[in-house]
Amino acid sequence: MKKAVLILVVIVFGFAGYSCESAGGMSGTTRGAAVGAGLGAIGGQIIGGNTAGTLIGLAAGALGGAIVGHEMDYQRQQQMPYQYQSQQMPMAVPDNYQEVPPGQWVKVPGQWVGDRWVPAHKTWVPVNP
């Protein structure tokens, strides 16, 4: 009876974590820890057959899942500037455009805007004559 209740609790928490993830509320580290904890608890119960085995499996799974999830977050963050540059659309220049307005190109360093990374880029700053 205790095994069935434990398995049911692990499954319920697993689905709850998955539903939070689909709403965008969990980072990869948190999601990895939740999935690892659930799988580790099930594995610990199967291998050990007692509460100590379940708790050891839960702790080891949570730690391993958090490490893997953190690494996935890091890899995704490293690829974001490249994805941002590839998604930019070229600007259309009108056919009748002849004159370049006074101004200069200024390099803007990379920075966080809200929760997104904006890579370094150049922007045109007009100057009044």
Protein backbone atom coordinates (compact mmCIF):
# COMPACT_ATOMS: atom_id res chain seq x y z
CA MET A 1 0.00 0.00 0.00
CA LYS A 2 2.82 2.40 0.88
CA LYS A 3 4.50 1.78 -2.47
CA ALA A 4 1.34 2.62 -4.37
CA VAL A 5 0.85 5.85 -2.43
CA LEU A 6 4.50 6.84 -2.94
CA ILE A 7 4.34 6.17 -6.67
CA LEU A 8 1.08 8.12 -6.91
CA VAL A 9 2.62 11.11 -5.08
CA VAL A 10 5.68 11.09 -7.35
CA ILE A 11 3.49 10.94 -10.48
CA VAL A 12 1.25 13.78 -9.28
CA PHE A 13 4.23 16.02 -8.50
CA GLY A 14 5.77 15.12 -11.86
CA PHE A 15 2.65 16.19 -13.72
CA ALA A 16 2.39 19.36 -11.64
CA GLY A 17 5.97 20.27 -12.53
CA TYR A 18 5.37 19.52 -16.18
CA SER A 19 2.27 21.73 -16.27
CA CYS A 20 4.20 24.63 -14.70
CA GLU A 21 6.93 24.16 -17.30
CA SER A 22 4.50 24.32 -20.20
CA ALA A 23 3.30 27.69 -18.90
CA GLY A 24 6.89 28.95 -18.99
CA GLY A 25 7.24 29.23 -15.23
CA MET A 26 10.17 26.87 -14.61
CA SER A 27 13.80 27.14 -15.63
CA GLY A 28 15.69 24.17 -17.01
CA THR A 29 17.46 23.72 -13.68
CA THR A 30 14.19 23.50 -11.75
CA ARG A 31 12.56 21.27 -14.35
CA GLY A 32 15.62 18.98 -14.41
CA ALA A 33 15.63 18.72 -10.61
CA ALA A 34 11.90 17.88 -10.53
CA VAL A 35 12.14 15.22 -13.22
CA GLY A 36 15.36 13.80 -11.74
CA ALA A 37 13.82 13.66 -8.27
CA GLY A 38 10.78 11.79 -9.53
CA LEU A 39 12.79 9.29 -11.55
CA GLY A 40 15.35 8.90 -8.75
CA ALA A 41 12.63 8.21 -6.18
CA ILE A 42 11.04 5.56 -8.38
CA GLY A 43 14.44 4.01 -9.12
CA GLY A 44 15.42 4.09 -5.44
CA GLN A 45 12.18 2.39 -4.44
CA ILE A 46 12.61 -0.30 -7.09
CA ILE A 47 16.25 -0.98 -6.21
CA GLY A 48 16.18 -0.50 -2.42
CA GLY A 49 12.59 -1.45 -1.68
CA ASN A 50 12.48 0.80 1.40
CA THR A 51 12.12 4.43 2.41
CA ALA A 52 15.86 5.02 2.71
CA GLY A 53 16.42 3.83 -0.86
CA THR A 54 13.61 6.07 -2.08
CA LEU A 55 15.03 9.14 -0.33
CA ILE A 56 18.57 8.46 -1.53
CA GLY A 57 17.29 8.00 -5.10
CA LEU A 58 15.25 11.17 -4.80
CA ALA A 59 18.24 13.24 -3.64
CA ALA A 60 20.62 11.81 -6.23
CA GLY A 61 18.07 12.24 -9.02
CA ALA A 62 17.31 15.84 -8.02
CA LEU A 63 21.01 16.72 -7.94
CA GLY A 64 21.74 15.04 -11.27
CA GLY A 65 18.66 16.55 -12.91
CA ALA A 66 19.53 20.03 -11.67
CA ILE A 67 23.06 19.74 -13.06
CA VAL A 68 21.79 18.60 -16.46
CA GLY A 69 19.05 21.26 -16.52
CA HIS A 70 21.51 24.01 -15.60
CA GLU A 71 23.84 22.94 -18.40
CA MET A 72 20.95 22.98 -20.88
CA ASP A 73 20.02 26.53 -19.73
CA TYR A 74 23.64 27.59 -20.18
CA GLN A 75 23.84 26.15 -23.71
CA ARG A 76 20.54 27.82 -24.66
CA GLN A 77 21.77 31.16 -23.31
CA GLN A 78 25.01 30.89 -25.30
CA GLN A 79 23.04 30.33 -28.53
CA MET A 80 20.61 33.22 -28.01
CA PRO A 81 22.74 35.99 -29.60
CA TYR A 82 23.17 33.89 -32.75
CA GLN A 83 19.45 33.14 -32.95
CA TYR A 84 18.64 36.83 -32.45
CA GLN A 85 20.93 37.89 -35.29
CA SER A 86 19.53 35.29 -37.67
CA GLN A 87 15.95 36.43 -37.01
CA GLN A 88 16.54 40.09 -37.91
CA MET A 89 14.89 41.25 -41.11
CA PRO A 90 16.82 43.43 -43.58
CA MET A 91 15.58 47.01 -43.86
CA ALA A 92 13.96 48.10 -47.10
CA VAL A 93 15.33 51.33 -48.58
CA PRO A 94 12.98 53.41 -50.72
CA ASP A 95 13.99 53.87 -54.39
CA ASN A 96 13.84 57.68 -54.15
CA TYR A 97 16.19 57.91 -51.15
CA GLN A 98 19.23 59.96 -52.20
CA GLU A 99 20.61 61.87 -49.24
CA VAL A 100 22.18 60.49 -46.09
CA PRO A 101 20.93 62.43 -43.07
CA PRO A 102 23.60 63.83 -40.75
CA GLY A 103 24.52 61.51 -37.95
CA GLN A 104 26.81 58.68 -37.01
CA TRP A 105 26.80 54.96 -36.31
CA VAL A 106 27.20 54.12 -32.63
CA LYS A 107 28.02 50.67 -31.26
CA VAL A 108 25.65 49.62 -28.48
CA PRO A 109 27.07 46.94 -26.12
CA GLY A 110 25.12 43.77 -25.38
CA GLN A 111 22.70 44.07 -22.48
CA TRP A 112 19.73 42.48 -20.74
CA VAL A 113 16.39 44.07 -21.64
CA GLY A 114 13.67 42.62 -19.41
CA ASP A 115 14.41 38.89 -19.39
CA ARG A 116 16.00 38.75 -22.87
CA TRP A 117 19.61 39.26 -23.94
CA VAL A 118 20.09 41.83 -26.72
CA PRO A 119 23.52 41.34 -28.35
CA ALA A 120 25.91 44.16 -29.25
CA HIS A 121 24.83 46.03 -32.39
CA LYS A 122 25.25 49.30 -34.26
CA THR A 123 22.53 51.92 -34.46
CA TRP A 124 22.24 55.19 -36.37
CA VAL A 125 22.13 58.29 -34.17
CA PRO A 126 20.98 61.40 -36.06
CA VAL A 127 22.69 64.71 -35.40
CA ASN A 128 20.91 68.03 -35.90
CA PRO A 129 22.99 70.36 -38.15
